[in-house]
């Protein structure tokens, strides 16, 4: 099941950048379509004013993903560590999180749904891992506890 396939004509209306500025930080993330027709999440993470993260999220009508076991992320990174996050309901406070490392080449990251761990504001929660039944929001986040520029190019996001 395809969740998003980026192209030069992609509508980014339901994609939203959320930086630490919501808490007084100074990070600055941007999300746009690049010349190759891929989603490009880039910017800088700043530790000023207790900041330290930038994210981009995509909200959509809730879908039933029963029977799927993993997400496939086709992307090209910058050698940094990122988080992929999902929510069953967009208004849940917590997310289910999977960390992944990028290279400077195109790669397909396999995210086993059952290995996505619950978290809220950088803390682990004592509830079960993601059950993989309903999905209403996905997100990419960078927050490596250091000031840094980042760039993540995304081609497709799908379920398998």
N, C-alpha and C. Protein backbone atom coordinates (compact mmCIF):
# COMPACT_ATOMS: atom_id res chain seq x y z
N UNK A 1 0.85 -1.18 0.00
CA UNK A 1 0.00 0.00 0.00
C UNK A 1 0.89 1.24 0.00
N UNK A 2 0.66 2.09 -0.94
CA UNK A 2 1.44 3.32 -1.06
C UNK A 2 0.84 4.40 -0.16
N UNK A 3 1.66 5.00 0.68
CA UNK A 3 1.20 6.11 1.53
C UNK A 3 1.48 7.44 0.85
N UNK A 4 2.68 7.58 0.29
CA UNK A 4 3.00 8.81 -0.44
C UNK A 4 4.10 8.53 -1.45
N UNK A 5 3.88 9.00 -2.68
CA UNK A 5 4.84 8.88 -3.77
C UNK A 5 5.12 10.29 -4.26
N UNK A 6 6.30 10.79 -3.96
CA UNK A 6 6.62 12.17 -4.30
C UNK A 6 6.88 12.33 -5.80
N UNK A 7 6.46 13.47 -6.32
CA UNK A 7 6.72 13.86 -7.70
C UNK A 7 6.70 15.38 -7.76
N UNK A 8 7.04 15.92 -8.91
CA UNK A 8 7.05 17.39 -9.05
C UNK A 8 5.66 17.97 -8.85
N UNK A 9 4.61 17.16 -9.03
CA UNK A 9 3.24 17.63 -8.88
C UNK A 9 2.66 17.34 -7.49
N UNK A 10 3.45 16.81 -6.59
CA UNK A 10 2.94 16.44 -5.26
C UNK A 10 2.35 17.63 -4.53
N UNK A 11 1.22 17.37 -3.88
CA UNK A 11 0.55 18.37 -3.06
C UNK A 11 1.04 18.20 -1.62
N UNK A 12 1.72 19.19 -1.10
CA UNK A 12 2.28 19.11 0.25
C UNK A 12 1.37 19.75 1.31
N UNK A 13 0.13 19.99 0.95
CA UNK A 13 -0.81 20.67 1.85
C UNK A 13 -0.89 20.02 3.22
N UNK A 14 -0.92 18.69 3.28
CA UNK A 14 -1.08 18.00 4.56
C UNK A 14 0.25 17.67 5.24
N UNK A 15 1.34 18.17 4.70
CA UNK A 15 2.66 18.04 5.33
C UNK A 15 2.95 19.31 6.12
N UNK A 16 3.38 19.16 7.37
CA UNK A 16 3.62 20.31 8.24
C UNK A 16 4.95 20.16 8.95
N UNK A 17 5.77 21.22 8.91
CA UNK A 17 7.02 21.23 9.67
C UNK A 17 6.70 21.66 11.10
N UNK A 18 7.22 20.91 12.07
CA UNK A 18 7.09 21.27 13.47
C UNK A 18 8.49 21.27 14.06
N UNK A 19 8.96 22.44 14.45
CA UNK A 19 10.29 22.59 15.04
C UNK A 19 10.18 22.86 16.53
N UNK A 20 11.32 22.89 17.18
CA UNK A 20 11.35 23.18 18.62
C UNK A 20 10.93 24.61 18.95
N UNK A 21 10.66 25.44 17.93
CA UNK A 21 10.19 26.81 18.20
C UNK A 21 8.87 26.78 18.96
N UNK A 22 8.12 25.67 18.88
CA UNK A 22 6.88 25.55 19.64
C UNK A 22 7.16 25.57 21.14
N UNK A 23 8.44 25.35 21.52
CA UNK A 23 8.84 25.36 22.93
C UNK A 23 9.91 26.43 23.19
N UNK A 24 10.08 27.35 22.24
CA UNK A 24 11.04 28.42 22.42
C UNK A 24 12.39 28.19 21.76
N UNK A 25 12.58 27.05 21.10
CA UNK A 25 13.85 26.75 20.46
C UNK A 25 14.07 27.55 19.19
N UNK A 26 15.20 27.30 18.53
CA UNK A 26 15.59 28.08 17.35
C UNK A 26 15.87 27.23 16.11
N UNK A 27 15.48 25.96 16.10
CA UNK A 27 15.70 25.11 14.93
C UNK A 27 14.81 25.59 13.78
N UNK A 28 15.23 25.27 12.56
CA UNK A 28 14.52 25.77 11.38
C UNK A 28 14.51 24.70 10.29
N UNK A 29 13.39 24.01 10.17
CA UNK A 29 13.24 22.99 9.14
C UNK A 29 12.34 23.47 8.02
N UNK A 30 12.59 22.96 6.83
CA UNK A 30 11.79 23.27 5.65
C UNK A 30 11.43 21.97 4.96
N UNK A 31 10.29 21.96 4.27
CA UNK A 31 9.90 20.80 3.48
C UNK A 31 9.36 21.29 2.15
N UNK A 32 9.92 20.73 1.08
CA UNK A 32 9.54 21.17 -0.27
C UNK A 32 9.81 20.04 -1.26
N UNK A 33 9.39 20.25 -2.48
CA UNK A 33 9.69 19.32 -3.57
C UNK A 33 10.94 19.85 -4.26
N UNK A 34 11.95 18.98 -4.43
CA UNK A 34 13.19 19.43 -5.09
C UNK A 34 13.08 19.26 -6.61
N UNK A 35 14.12 19.64 -7.32
CA UNK A 35 14.12 19.59 -8.78
C UNK A 35 13.95 18.18 -9.33
N UNK A 36 14.30 17.17 -8.54
CA UNK A 36 14.15 15.77 -8.96
C UNK A 36 12.74 15.24 -8.69
N UNK A 37 11.90 16.03 -8.04
CA UNK A 37 10.54 15.60 -7.73
C UNK A 37 10.43 14.80 -6.46
N UNK A 38 11.42 14.90 -5.59
CA UNK A 38 11.39 14.20 -4.31
C UNK A 38 11.04 15.18 -3.19
N UNK A 39 10.52 14.64 -2.10
CA UNK A 39 10.31 15.46 -0.91
C UNK A 39 11.67 15.76 -0.30
N UNK A 40 11.91 17.00 0.07
CA UNK A 40 13.19 17.39 0.66
C UNK A 40 12.94 18.06 2.00
N UNK A 41 13.33 17.36 3.06
CA UNK A 41 13.24 17.87 4.43
C UNK A 41 14.65 18.31 4.80
N UNK A 42 14.84 19.61 5.04
CA UNK A 42 16.18 20.12 5.30
C UNK A 42 16.12 21.34 6.20
N UNK A 43 17.26 21.69 6.75
CA UNK A 43 17.34 22.86 7.61
C UNK A 43 18.46 22.73 8.61
N UNK A 44 18.26 23.36 9.77
CA UNK A 44 19.25 23.31 10.83
C UNK A 44 18.57 23.02 12.17
N UNK A 45 19.25 22.23 12.97
CA UNK A 45 18.82 21.99 14.34
C UNK A 45 19.72 22.84 15.23
N UNK A 46 19.10 23.57 16.14
CA UNK A 46 19.82 24.42 17.07
C UNK A 46 19.52 23.97 18.50
N UNK A 47 20.54 24.05 19.35
CA UNK A 47 20.34 23.74 20.77
C UNK A 47 20.03 24.99 21.60
N UNK A 48 20.01 26.15 20.95
CA UNK A 48 19.72 27.40 21.66
C UNK A 48 18.32 27.35 22.28
N UNK A 49 18.18 28.01 23.43
CA UNK A 49 16.90 28.11 24.13
C UNK A 49 16.28 26.74 24.42
N UNK A 50 17.11 25.77 24.76
CA UNK A 50 16.65 24.41 25.07
C UNK A 50 15.98 23.72 23.88
N UNK A 51 16.39 24.10 22.68
CA UNK A 51 15.86 23.47 21.47
C UNK A 51 16.59 22.18 21.18
N UNK A 52 16.39 21.67 19.96
CA UNK A 52 17.12 20.48 19.57
C UNK A 52 16.41 19.53 18.63
N UNK A 53 15.30 19.96 17.98
CA UNK A 53 14.68 19.04 17.02
C UNK A 53 13.96 19.79 15.91
N UNK A 54 13.82 19.09 14.81
CA UNK A 54 12.98 19.55 13.70
C UNK A 54 12.26 18.32 13.17
N UNK A 55 11.01 18.50 12.76
CA UNK A 55 10.25 17.37 12.24
C UNK A 55 9.32 17.83 11.12
N UNK A 56 8.90 16.87 10.32
CA UNK A 56 7.87 17.10 9.32
C UNK A 56 6.88 15.96 9.43
N UNK A 57 5.59 16.31 9.48
CA UNK A 57 4.56 15.28 9.65
C UNK A 57 3.54 15.36 8.52
N UNK A 58 2.93 14.21 8.27
CA UNK A 58 1.91 14.09 7.24
C UNK A 58 0.68 13.47 7.87
N UNK A 59 -0.43 14.22 7.85
CA UNK A 59 -1.69 13.73 8.39
C UNK A 59 -2.63 13.39 7.24
N UNK A 60 -3.40 12.32 7.42
CA UNK A 60 -4.33 11.87 6.39
C UNK A 60 -5.50 11.17 7.08
N UNK A 61 -6.53 10.85 6.31
CA UNK A 61 -7.67 10.13 6.87
C UNK A 61 -7.17 8.78 7.40
N UNK A 62 -7.64 8.43 8.57
CA UNK A 62 -7.19 7.20 9.22
C UNK A 62 -7.43 5.99 8.31
N UNK A 63 -6.40 5.13 8.22
CA UNK A 63 -6.51 3.93 7.40
C UNK A 63 -6.27 2.68 8.26
N UNK A 64 -6.90 1.59 7.85
CA UNK A 64 -6.72 0.30 8.51
C UNK A 64 -5.54 -0.38 7.83
N UNK A 65 -4.50 -0.68 8.60
CA UNK A 65 -3.31 -1.32 8.02
C UNK A 65 -3.12 -2.74 8.55
N UNK A 66 -4.19 -3.32 9.07
CA UNK A 66 -4.14 -4.70 9.55
C UNK A 66 -3.61 -5.59 8.44
N UNK A 67 -2.68 -6.45 8.77
CA UNK A 67 -2.11 -7.37 7.78
C UNK A 67 -0.77 -6.92 7.24
N UNK A 68 -0.45 -5.65 7.38
CA UNK A 68 0.87 -5.16 6.97
C UNK A 68 1.84 -5.32 8.13
N UNK A 69 3.11 -5.59 7.84
CA UNK A 69 4.08 -5.82 8.90
C UNK A 69 5.21 -4.80 8.93
N UNK A 70 5.38 -4.04 7.85
CA UNK A 70 6.48 -3.07 7.85
C UNK A 70 6.19 -1.91 6.92
N UNK A 71 6.87 -0.82 7.22
CA UNK A 71 6.87 0.36 6.36
C UNK A 71 8.17 0.36 5.58
N UNK A 72 8.12 0.80 4.35
CA UNK A 72 9.32 0.93 3.52
C UNK A 72 9.51 2.40 3.18
N UNK A 73 10.68 2.92 3.53
CA UNK A 73 11.02 4.32 3.28
C UNK A 73 12.13 4.35 2.23
N UNK A 74 11.83 4.88 1.06
CA UNK A 74 12.84 5.03 0.02
C UNK A 74 13.36 6.45 0.12
N UNK A 75 14.64 6.58 0.52
CA UNK A 75 15.18 7.90 0.81
C UNK A 75 16.69 7.97 0.61
N UNK A 76 17.17 9.18 0.64
CA UNK A 76 18.61 9.46 0.56
C UNK A 76 18.92 10.48 1.65
N UNK A 77 19.78 10.09 2.56
CA UNK A 77 20.08 10.95 3.70
C UNK A 77 21.43 11.63 3.59
N UNK A 78 21.89 12.06 4.73
CA UNK A 78 23.13 12.83 4.83
C UNK A 78 24.10 12.19 5.82
N UNK A 79 23.88 10.91 6.14
CA UNK A 79 24.75 10.22 7.08
C UNK A 79 24.34 10.41 8.53
N UNK A 80 23.22 11.06 8.77
CA UNK A 80 22.77 11.32 10.14
C UNK A 80 21.67 10.34 10.56
N UNK A 81 21.39 10.35 11.86
CA UNK A 81 20.35 9.50 12.44
C UNK A 81 19.04 10.28 12.48
N UNK A 82 17.97 9.60 12.10
CA UNK A 82 16.63 10.18 12.10
C UNK A 82 15.67 9.26 12.84
N UNK A 83 14.49 9.78 13.09
CA UNK A 83 13.40 8.98 13.63
C UNK A 83 12.27 8.98 12.61
N UNK A 84 11.62 7.83 12.48
CA UNK A 84 10.36 7.76 11.75
C UNK A 84 9.30 7.51 12.80
N UNK A 85 8.21 8.26 12.75
CA UNK A 85 7.19 8.21 13.78
C UNK A 85 5.82 7.98 13.16
N UNK A 86 4.98 7.27 13.87
CA UNK A 86 3.60 7.07 13.43
C UNK A 86 2.66 7.32 14.60
N UNK A 87 1.42 7.65 14.24
CA UNK A 87 0.35 7.78 15.23
C UNK A 87 -0.88 7.07 14.71
N UNK A 88 -1.55 6.38 15.62
CA UNK A 88 -2.82 5.74 15.31
C UNK A 88 -3.89 6.80 15.09
N UNK A 89 -3.85 7.81 15.93
CA UNK A 89 -4.78 8.94 15.85
C UNK A 89 -3.92 10.20 15.88
N UNK A 90 -4.13 11.11 14.95
CA UNK A 90 -3.30 12.31 14.86
C UNK A 90 -3.29 13.12 16.15
N UNK A 91 -4.32 12.99 16.98
CA UNK A 91 -4.38 13.79 18.20
C UNK A 91 -3.88 13.05 19.44
N UNK A 92 -3.36 11.83 19.25
CA UNK A 92 -2.69 11.16 20.37
C UNK A 92 -1.50 12.01 20.79
N UNK A 93 -1.20 12.01 22.07
CA UNK A 93 -0.02 12.76 22.54
C UNK A 93 1.26 12.02 22.20
N UNK A 94 1.24 10.70 22.26
CA UNK A 94 2.44 9.91 22.03
C UNK A 94 2.54 9.46 20.57
N UNK A 95 3.75 9.14 20.18
CA UNK A 95 4.04 8.57 18.86
C UNK A 95 4.69 7.21 19.07
N UNK A 96 4.75 6.44 18.00
CA UNK A 96 5.52 5.21 17.98
C UNK A 96 6.73 5.49 17.09
N UNK A 97 7.92 5.16 17.60
CA UNK A 97 9.17 5.67 17.03
C UNK A 97 10.09 4.54 16.60
N UNK A 98 10.75 4.78 15.45
CA UNK A 98 11.79 3.87 14.97
C UNK A 98 12.97 4.72 14.53
N UNK A 99 14.16 4.44 15.06
CA UNK A 99 15.37 5.17 14.69
C UNK A 99 16.05 4.50 13.51
N UNK A 100 16.61 5.30 12.62
CA UNK A 100 17.35 4.74 11.50
C UNK A 100 18.52 5.64 11.13
N UNK A 101 19.54 5.02 10.58
CA UNK A 101 20.74 5.73 10.14
C UNK A 101 20.68 5.89 8.63
N UNK A 102 21.15 7.02 8.14
CA UNK A 102 21.17 7.24 6.70
C UNK A 102 22.59 7.20 6.17
N UNK A 103 22.68 6.99 4.87
CA UNK A 103 23.94 7.09 4.16
C UNK A 103 23.79 8.24 3.17
N UNK A 104 24.78 8.45 2.37
CA UNK A 104 24.69 9.51 1.35
C UNK A 104 24.17 8.95 0.03
N UNK A 105 23.71 7.69 0.05
CA UNK A 105 23.18 7.03 -1.13
C UNK A 105 21.69 6.74 -0.94
N UNK A 106 21.01 6.42 -2.04
CA UNK A 106 19.62 6.00 -1.94
C UNK A 106 19.56 4.67 -1.21
N UNK A 107 18.61 4.54 -0.31
CA UNK A 107 18.44 3.31 0.44
C UNK A 107 16.96 3.10 0.74
N UNK A 108 16.62 1.85 0.99
CA UNK A 108 15.26 1.52 1.43
C UNK A 108 15.35 1.08 2.88
N UNK A 109 14.76 1.87 3.75
CA UNK A 109 14.73 1.57 5.18
C UNK A 109 13.48 0.74 5.45
N UNK A 110 13.66 -0.42 6.04
CA UNK A 110 12.53 -1.26 6.43
C UNK A 110 12.24 -1.01 7.91
N UNK A 111 11.02 -0.61 8.18
CA UNK A 111 10.59 -0.30 9.55
C UNK A 111 9.59 -1.36 10.00
N UNK A 112 10.02 -2.33 10.81
CA UNK A 112 9.08 -3.34 11.31
C UNK A 112 8.08 -2.67 12.27
N UNK A 113 6.81 -2.75 11.94
CA UNK A 113 5.79 -2.07 12.75
C UNK A 113 5.85 -2.50 14.21
N UNK A 114 6.08 -3.78 14.46
CA UNK A 114 6.08 -4.29 15.83
C UNK A 114 7.27 -3.79 16.65
N UNK A 115 8.28 -3.22 16.00
CA UNK A 115 9.45 -2.70 16.71
C UNK A 115 9.37 -1.19 16.96
N UNK A 116 8.26 -0.57 16.58
CA UNK A 116 8.10 0.86 16.83
C UNK A 116 7.70 1.06 18.28
N UNK A 117 8.54 1.80 19.01
CA UNK A 117 8.37 1.96 20.45
C UNK A 117 7.64 3.27 20.79
N UNK A 118 6.78 3.23 21.81
CA UNK A 118 6.04 4.43 22.18
C UNK A 118 6.93 5.44 22.90
N UNK A 119 6.70 6.71 22.58
CA UNK A 119 7.46 7.77 23.23
C UNK A 119 6.69 9.08 23.21
N UNK A 120 7.06 9.96 24.13
CA UNK A 120 6.46 11.28 24.23
C UNK A 120 7.52 12.25 24.74
N UNK A 121 7.79 13.29 23.95
CA UNK A 121 8.77 14.32 24.30
C UNK A 121 10.11 13.75 24.75
N UNK A 122 10.61 12.78 24.00
CA UNK A 122 11.92 12.22 24.26
C UNK A 122 11.98 11.16 25.35
N UNK A 123 10.82 10.81 25.88
CA UNK A 123 10.79 9.79 26.94
C UNK A 123 10.08 8.54 26.45
N UNK A 124 10.60 7.38 26.83
CA UNK A 124 9.94 6.11 26.53
C UNK A 124 8.73 5.95 27.43
N UNK A 125 7.71 5.29 26.92
CA UNK A 125 6.50 5.06 27.69
C UNK A 125 6.34 3.57 27.97
N UNK A 126 5.75 3.25 29.10
CA UNK A 126 5.55 1.86 29.50
C UNK A 126 4.19 1.37 29.00
N UNK A 127 4.04 1.35 27.68
CA UNK A 127 2.86 0.80 27.03
C UNK A 127 3.37 -0.08 25.88
N UNK A 128 2.52 -0.95 25.34
CA UNK A 128 2.99 -1.85 24.27
C UNK A 128 3.48 -1.11 23.02
N UNK A 129 4.34 -1.79 22.27
CA UNK A 129 4.79 -1.26 20.98
C UNK A 129 3.59 -1.10 20.04
N UNK A 130 3.83 -0.47 18.93
CA UNK A 130 2.79 -0.20 17.94
C UNK A 130 2.10 -1.50 17.52
N UNK A 131 0.79 -1.47 17.51
CA UNK A 131 0.00 -2.66 17.18
C UNK A 131 -0.22 -2.82 15.67
N UNK A 132 0.02 -1.77 14.90
CA UNK A 132 -0.10 -1.88 13.45
C UNK A 132 -1.50 -2.14 12.95
N UNK A 133 -2.49 -1.48 13.54
CA UNK A 133 -3.88 -1.67 13.10
C UNK A 133 -4.42 -0.44 12.39
N UNK A 134 -4.24 0.72 12.98
CA UNK A 134 -4.73 1.97 12.40
C UNK A 134 -3.57 2.96 12.26
N UNK A 135 -3.68 3.83 11.25
CA UNK A 135 -2.63 4.81 10.99
C UNK A 135 -3.26 6.10 10.50
N UNK A 136 -2.86 7.24 11.11
CA UNK A 136 -3.42 8.53 10.72
C UNK A 136 -2.35 9.61 10.56
N UNK A 137 -1.12 9.33 11.02
CA UNK A 137 -0.06 10.33 10.87
C UNK A 137 1.29 9.63 10.81
N UNK A 138 2.16 10.16 9.94
CA UNK A 138 3.55 9.71 9.88
C UNK A 138 4.42 10.95 9.99
N UNK A 139 5.67 10.77 10.44
CA UNK A 139 6.56 11.91 10.59
C UNK A 139 8.01 11.47 10.54
N UNK A 140 8.86 12.40 10.11
CA UNK A 140 10.31 12.25 10.22
C UNK A 140 10.78 13.30 11.21
N UNK A 141 11.73 12.93 12.07
CA UNK A 141 12.26 13.86 13.07
C UNK A 141 13.76 13.68 13.17
N UNK A 142 14.46 14.81 13.32
CA UNK A 142 15.88 14.78 13.64
C UNK A 142 16.06 15.51 14.96
N UNK A 143 16.80 14.88 15.86
CA UNK A 143 17.05 15.45 17.18
C UNK A 143 18.18 14.68 17.84
N UNK A 144 19.40 14.93 17.40
CA UNK A 144 20.56 14.16 17.84
C UNK A 144 21.36 14.81 18.97
N UNK A 145 20.74 15.77 19.65
CA UNK A 145 21.38 16.45 20.79
C UNK A 145 22.63 17.21 20.38
N UNK A 146 22.60 17.74 19.13
CA UNK A 146 23.70 18.61 18.68
C UNK A 146 23.17 19.57 17.62
N UNK A 147 23.81 20.70 17.54
CA UNK A 147 23.49 21.66 16.49
C UNK A 147 24.05 21.12 15.18
N UNK A 148 23.21 21.07 14.14
CA UNK A 148 23.68 20.52 12.87
C UNK A 148 22.71 20.88 11.74
N UNK A 149 23.27 20.96 10.55
CA UNK A 149 22.46 21.08 9.34
C UNK A 149 22.03 19.66 8.97
N UNK A 150 20.89 19.55 8.29
CA UNK A 150 20.41 18.23 7.88
C UNK A 150 19.73 18.31 6.52
N UNK A 151 19.67 17.14 5.87
CA UNK A 151 18.99 17.05 4.58
C UNK A 151 18.56 15.60 4.35
N UNK A 152 17.27 15.40 4.16
CA UNK A 152 16.70 14.08 3.92
C UNK A 152 15.81 14.17 2.69
N UNK A 153 16.16 13.42 1.66
CA UNK A 153 15.41 13.39 0.40
C UNK A 153 14.56 12.13 0.39
N UNK A 154 13.26 12.28 0.16
CA UNK A 154 12.32 11.17 0.27
C UNK A 154 11.63 10.92 -1.07
N UNK A 155 11.64 9.66 -1.52
CA UNK A 155 10.99 9.30 -2.78
C UNK A 155 9.61 8.69 -2.54
N UNK A 156 9.54 7.64 -1.70
CA UNK A 156 8.26 6.99 -1.44
C UNK A 156 8.18 6.49 0.00
N UNK A 157 6.95 6.35 0.47
CA UNK A 157 6.65 5.78 1.77
C UNK A 157 5.52 4.79 1.52
N UNK A 158 5.75 3.52 1.88
CA UNK A 158 4.73 2.51 1.61
C UNK A 158 4.69 1.47 2.72
N UNK A 159 3.64 0.68 2.70
CA UNK A 159 3.45 -0.42 3.64
C UNK A 159 3.60 -1.74 2.90
N UNK A 160 4.13 -2.73 3.61
CA UNK A 160 4.26 -4.07 3.01
C UNK A 160 3.86 -5.10 4.05
